[in-house]
Amino acid sequence: MRLAIISDIHSNLEALESVLAAIRREEVDAVLNLGDVVGYNASPNECVELLQGQKFINLAGNHDLALLEPERAQNFNIIAYQALMWSREKIHPGLLKFLEAMPLTQELGGRFLACHGTPTSTDTYISYHFQGKRVFAQMKKQGSLKVCFFGHTHRRALWYRDIRGTVALREIVRPKLKLAPEGDYLINPGSVGQPRDGNPEAAYAIFDGEDFSIHFKSVPYDIPGAQRRILDAGLPPFLAERLAQGV
């Protein structure tokens, strides 16, 4: 199984179009979207429409759920909340069924698991050692799971647990990394629509189940165009500014 992994699109049409164009040049069996299609940026309808098709496996993120159930956004920061309420006003009613149908998790081939935040919560982050360790423990209870794909942090990450049970965050020093068959992994591809790792390019990853490797990738996109959409929509200017900074 060869998968393109994307996450945290957040209504950024220009970024999504560039990533999907790059993915079309890859020989992948499916595109796995880890959630948060909406929020922050100014093209919720266009992004949802692009993700429909047989090759897409779409999961719900916390922003997607909050669009459907606004009370979930009560703990968002004020800018995230304003952007979500704007998206709720603009989303086409015909697209709501698509969002409502997205599952929270997806198991693939009995070995791989996908979620937005963690397997038990779209709102929880995997940023610290104790959080990664907790998810590995959940995977172990489910038997044969080797990899969990997750998003939510907007930062690339590769956590591993070795055969001794040691859990650590692996430094991503090369774009393509061969994974140890005896290890277990948590993999975050980064964010398509709002990267927060200092690289403003739209991030994604290619996972190859045959040679058990992950290739972290990114592509440039029309950032000024995405910024203009945000400002023209009357959304907070900071949402436009941060795109150029990758924060």
Protein backbone atom coordinates (compact mmCIF):
# COMPACT_ATOMS: atom_id res chain seq x y z
CA MET A 1 0.00 0.00 0.00
CA ARG A 2 1.36 3.39 -1.04
CA LEU A 3 -0.42 6.36 0.54
CA ALA A 4 -0.25 10.13 0.21
CA ILE A 5 -0.81 11.56 3.69
CA ILE A 6 -2.26 15.06 4.09
CA SER A 7 -3.65 16.95 7.06
CA ASP A 8 -4.82 20.33 8.34
CA ILE A 9 -5.85 21.88 5.03
CA HIS A 10 -7.87 24.54 6.84
CA SER A 11 -9.68 25.98 3.83
CA ASN A 12 -6.47 26.90 1.99
CA LEU A 13 -7.41 26.23 -1.63
CA GLU A 14 -4.12 27.39 -3.14
CA ALA A 15 -2.11 25.06 -0.89
CA LEU A 16 -4.41 22.10 -1.46
CA GLU A 17 -4.37 22.49 -5.22
CA SER A 18 -0.55 22.51 -5.25
CA VAL A 19 -0.33 19.43 -3.03
CA LEU A 20 -2.89 17.47 -5.05
CA ALA A 21 -1.06 18.37 -8.27
CA ALA A 22 2.16 16.99 -6.76
CA ILE A 23 0.38 13.85 -5.51
CA ARG A 24 -0.98 13.15 -9.00
CA ARG A 25 2.64 12.64 -10.10
CA GLU A 26 3.08 9.97 -7.41
CA GLU A 27 1.85 6.43 -7.87
CA VAL A 28 -0.34 6.18 -4.79
CA ASP A 29 -3.20 3.85 -4.01
CA ALA A 30 -5.08 6.44 -1.96
CA VAL A 31 -4.91 9.89 -0.40
CA LEU A 32 -5.38 9.80 3.36
CA ASN A 33 -6.69 13.09 4.74
CA LEU A 34 -6.27 13.32 8.53
CA GLY A 35 -8.81 16.06 9.08
CA ASP A 36 -9.36 19.77 9.63
CA VAL A 37 -10.49 20.57 6.12
CA VAL A 38 -12.09 23.83 7.32
CA GLY A 39 -11.13 26.73 9.57
CA TYR A 40 -8.66 29.65 9.48
CA ASN A 41 -8.52 30.30 5.71
CA ALA A 42 -11.09 31.45 3.18
CA SER A 43 -12.01 28.55 0.84
CA PRO A 44 -13.97 25.94 2.81
CA ASN A 45 -16.36 24.98 0.00
CA GLU A 46 -13.71 24.61 -2.67
CA CYS A 47 -11.51 22.46 -0.42
CA VAL A 48 -14.32 20.11 0.58
CA GLU A 49 -15.29 19.69 -3.06
CA LEU A 50 -11.72 18.73 -4.04
CA LEU A 51 -11.60 15.93 -1.47
CA GLN A 52 -14.51 13.96 -2.86
CA GLY A 53 -13.69 10.84 -4.85
CA GLN A 54 -12.86 7.16 -4.53
CA LYS A 55 -9.15 7.73 -3.94
CA PHE A 56 -9.73 9.85 -0.84
CA ILE A 57 -9.99 8.54 2.71
CA ASN A 58 -11.21 11.53 4.75
CA LEU A 59 -11.22 11.76 8.53
CA ALA A 60 -12.80 14.44 10.72
CA GLY A 61 -10.69 16.92 12.65
CA ASN A 62 -11.69 19.10 15.59
CA HIS A 63 -12.43 22.11 13.34
CA ASP A 64 -14.62 19.98 11.07
CA LEU A 65 -16.59 18.76 14.08
CA ALA A 66 -16.85 22.29 15.49
CA LEU A 67 -18.29 23.54 12.21
CA LEU A 68 -21.05 20.96 12.58
CA GLU A 69 -21.45 21.50 16.34
CA PRO A 70 -20.43 25.10 17.21
CA GLU A 71 -20.36 24.48 20.96
CA ARG A 72 -17.19 22.48 20.36
CA ALA A 73 -15.46 25.76 19.40
CA GLN A 74 -15.96 27.38 22.81
CA ASN A 75 -12.37 26.56 23.80
CA PHE A 76 -10.81 27.80 20.55
CA ASN A 77 -8.76 30.98 20.67
CA ILE A 78 -10.63 34.05 19.48
CA ILE A 79 -9.12 34.12 15.97
CA ALA A 80 -9.78 30.42 15.39
CA TYR A 81 -13.31 30.89 16.68
CA GLN A 82 -14.01 33.86 14.39
CA ALA A 83 -12.70 31.98 11.36
CA LEU A 84 -14.78 28.93 12.18
CA MET A 85 -17.97 30.95 12.57
CA TRP A 86 -17.26 32.58 9.21
CA SER A 87 -16.80 29.13 7.64
CA ARG A 88 -20.07 27.97 9.19
CA GLU A 89 -21.88 30.86 7.52
CA LYS A 90 -20.25 30.24 4.14
CA ILE A 91 -20.35 26.45 3.85
CA HIS A 92 -22.79 25.18 1.24
CA PRO A 93 -25.59 23.13 2.88
CA GLY A 94 -25.07 20.38 0.31
CA LEU A 95 -21.54 19.77 1.60
CA LEU A 96 -22.53 19.26 5.22
CA LYS A 97 -23.48 15.62 4.64
CA PHE A 98 -19.98 14.95 3.39
CA LEU A 99 -18.47 16.45 6.54
CA GLU A 100 -20.95 14.63 8.76
CA ALA A 101 -20.01 11.29 7.21
CA MET A 102 -16.27 11.57 7.90
CA PRO A 103 -15.17 9.05 10.57
CA LEU A 104 -12.90 9.92 13.50
CA THR A 105 -10.47 7.05 12.89
CA GLN A 106 -9.64 4.59 10.14
CA GLU A 107 -7.82 1.27 10.29
CA LEU A 108 -6.00 0.22 7.15
CA GLY A 109 -4.98 -3.33 6.41
CA GLY A 110 -4.91 -4.32 10.06
CA ARG A 111 -1.48 -2.70 10.53
CA PHE A 112 -2.06 1.02 10.18
CA LEU A 113 -4.30 3.42 12.09
CA ALA A 114 -5.23 7.00 11.19
CA CYS A 115 -6.69 9.78 13.32
CA HIS A 116 -6.61 13.55 13.66
CA GLY A 117 -5.33 14.24 17.18
CA THR A 118 -5.12 10.84 18.86
CA PRO A 119 -7.12 7.64 18.35
CA THR A 120 -9.42 8.63 21.22
CA SER A 121 -9.72 12.42 20.77
CA THR A 122 -9.61 14.90 17.89
CA ASP A 123 -8.66 17.65 20.35
CA THR A 124 -5.65 16.00 22.02
CA TYR A 125 -2.12 16.67 20.75
CA ILE A 126 0.83 14.34 20.37
CA SER A 127 3.60 16.80 21.16
CA TYR A 128 5.30 15.42 24.28
CA HIS A 129 6.83 12.14 25.31
CA PHE A 130 4.02 11.14 27.66
CA GLN A 131 1.45 11.75 24.91
CA GLY A 132 3.32 9.61 22.40
CA LYS A 133 3.81 6.87 24.98
CA ARG A 134 0.08 6.85 25.73
CA VAL A 135 -0.84 6.36 22.07
CA PHE A 136 1.71 3.57 21.63
CA ALA A 137 0.11 1.83 24.62
CA GLN A 138 -3.31 2.14 22.96
CA MET A 139 -1.89 0.65 19.74
CA LYS A 140 -0.37 -2.27 21.63
CA LYS A 141 -3.75 -3.14 23.11
CA GLN A 142 -5.14 -3.43 19.58
CA GLY A 143 -2.60 -6.07 18.60
CA SER A 144 -0.94 -5.82 15.19
CA LEU A 145 -0.92 -2.05 14.64
CA LYS A 146 2.50 -0.76 13.57
CA VAL A 147 1.87 2.83 12.50
CA CYS A 148 -0.52 5.58 13.57
CA PHE A 149 -0.85 8.57 11.24
CA PHE A 150 -1.94 11.77 12.99
CA GLY A 151 -2.19 15.53 12.43
CA HIS A 152 -3.49 18.43 14.54
CA THR A 153 -0.10 19.90 15.56
CA HIS A 154 0.65 21.39 12.10
CA ARG A 155 4.24 20.12 12.51
CA ARG A 156 5.96 17.13 10.97
CA ALA A 157 6.85 14.47 13.48
CA LEU A 158 8.14 10.92 13.63
CA TRP A 159 7.79 9.14 16.96
CA TYR A 160 9.02 5.59 17.41
CA ARG A 161 8.97 2.79 19.94
CA ASP A 162 11.75 0.21 19.66
CA ILE A 163 11.60 -3.48 20.60
CA ARG A 164 12.66 -2.64 24.17
CA GLY A 165 9.68 -0.31 24.56
CA THR A 166 11.72 2.90 24.48
CA VAL A 167 9.70 5.83 23.08
CA ALA A 168 11.42 8.82 21.46
CA LEU A 169 10.89 11.56 18.89
CA ARG A 170 13.12 10.86 15.89
CA GLU A 171 14.82 13.79 14.21
CA ILE A 172 13.83 14.17 10.57
CA VAL A 173 17.25 14.73 9.03
CA ARG A 174 16.42 13.33 5.58
CA PRO A 175 13.18 13.70 3.63
CA LYS A 176 12.84 9.95 3.02
CA LEU A 177 13.31 7.61 5.95
CA LYS A 178 13.38 3.84 6.01
CA LEU A 179 11.50 2.56 9.05
CA ALA A 180 12.67 -0.39 11.14
CA PRO A 181 10.27 -3.32 10.66
CA GLU A 182 10.49 -4.22 14.34
CA GLY A 183 9.56 -0.70 15.47
CA ASP A 184 6.23 1.05 15.93
CA TYR A 185 5.65 4.59 14.66
CA LEU A 186 3.53 7.72 15.01
CA ILE A 187 3.75 9.85 11.86
CA ASN A 188 2.59 13.44 11.33
CA PRO A 189 2.91 14.72 7.72
CA GLY A 190 2.67 18.39 8.74
CA SER A 191 0.02 20.83 7.54
CA VAL A 192 -1.12 21.53 4.00
CA GLY A 193 -2.83 24.83 4.71
CA GLN A 194 -1.17 26.35 7.76
CA PRO A 195 2.32 24.94 8.50
CA ARG A 196 3.78 25.92 11.86
CA ASP A 197 7.34 24.62 11.59
CA GLY A 198 8.90 27.69 9.97
CA ASN A 199 8.56 26.37 6.41
CA PRO A 200 5.64 28.11 4.66
CA GLU A 201 5.42 25.49 1.90
CA ALA A 202 2.44 23.11 1.92
CA ALA A 203 3.47 19.87 3.61
CA TYR A 204 2.46 16.28 2.92
CA ALA A 205 4.07 12.84 3.02
CA ILE A 206 4.25 9.62 1.02
CA PHE A 207 4.09 6.37 2.98
CA ASP A 208 5.15 3.14 1.28
CA GLY A 209 3.96 0.02 3.06
CA GLU A 210 6.01 -2.26 0.81
CA ASP A 211 9.45 -0.94 1.73
CA PHE A 212 8.14 0.51 5.03
CA SER A 213 9.30 4.08 4.44
CA ILE A 214 8.01 7.60 4.91
CA HIS A 215 8.97 10.47 2.60
CA PHE A 216 8.21 13.95 3.97
CA LYS A 217 7.58 16.43 1.19
CA SER A 218 6.44 20.01 0.65
CA VAL A 219 5.54 22.20 -2.31
CA PRO A 220 5.42 25.97 -2.83
CA TYR A 221 2.04 27.50 -3.52
CA ASP A 222 0.43 30.86 -4.23
CA ILE A 223 0.68 32.34 -0.73
CA PRO A 224 -0.20 35.90 -1.85
CA GLY A 225 -3.35 34.52 -3.49
CA ALA A 226 -4.38 32.74 -0.28
CA GLN A 227 -3.64 35.90 1.70
CA ARG A 228 -5.81 38.02 -0.59
CA ARG A 229 -8.73 35.64 -0.13
CA ILE A 230 -8.42 35.91 3.65
CA LEU A 231 -8.31 39.71 3.61
CA ASP A 232 -11.11 40.01 1.04
CA ALA A 233 -13.27 37.78 3.25
CA GLY A 234 -12.76 40.11 6.20
CA LEU A 235 -11.02 37.45 8.28
CA PRO A 236 -8.37 38.52 10.84
CA PRO A 237 -5.23 39.81 9.02
CA PHE A 238 -2.98 37.69 11.25
CA LEU A 239 -4.30 34.61 9.47
CA ALA A 240 -2.87 35.99 6.22
CA GLU A 241 0.41 37.14 7.76
CA ARG A 242 1.23 33.80 9.35
CA LEU A 243 1.05 31.92 6.05
CA ALA A 244 4.17 33.63 4.74
CA GLN A 245 6.03 32.87 7.96
CA GLY A 246 5.03 29.26 8.38
CA VAL A 247 3.97 29.77 12.00
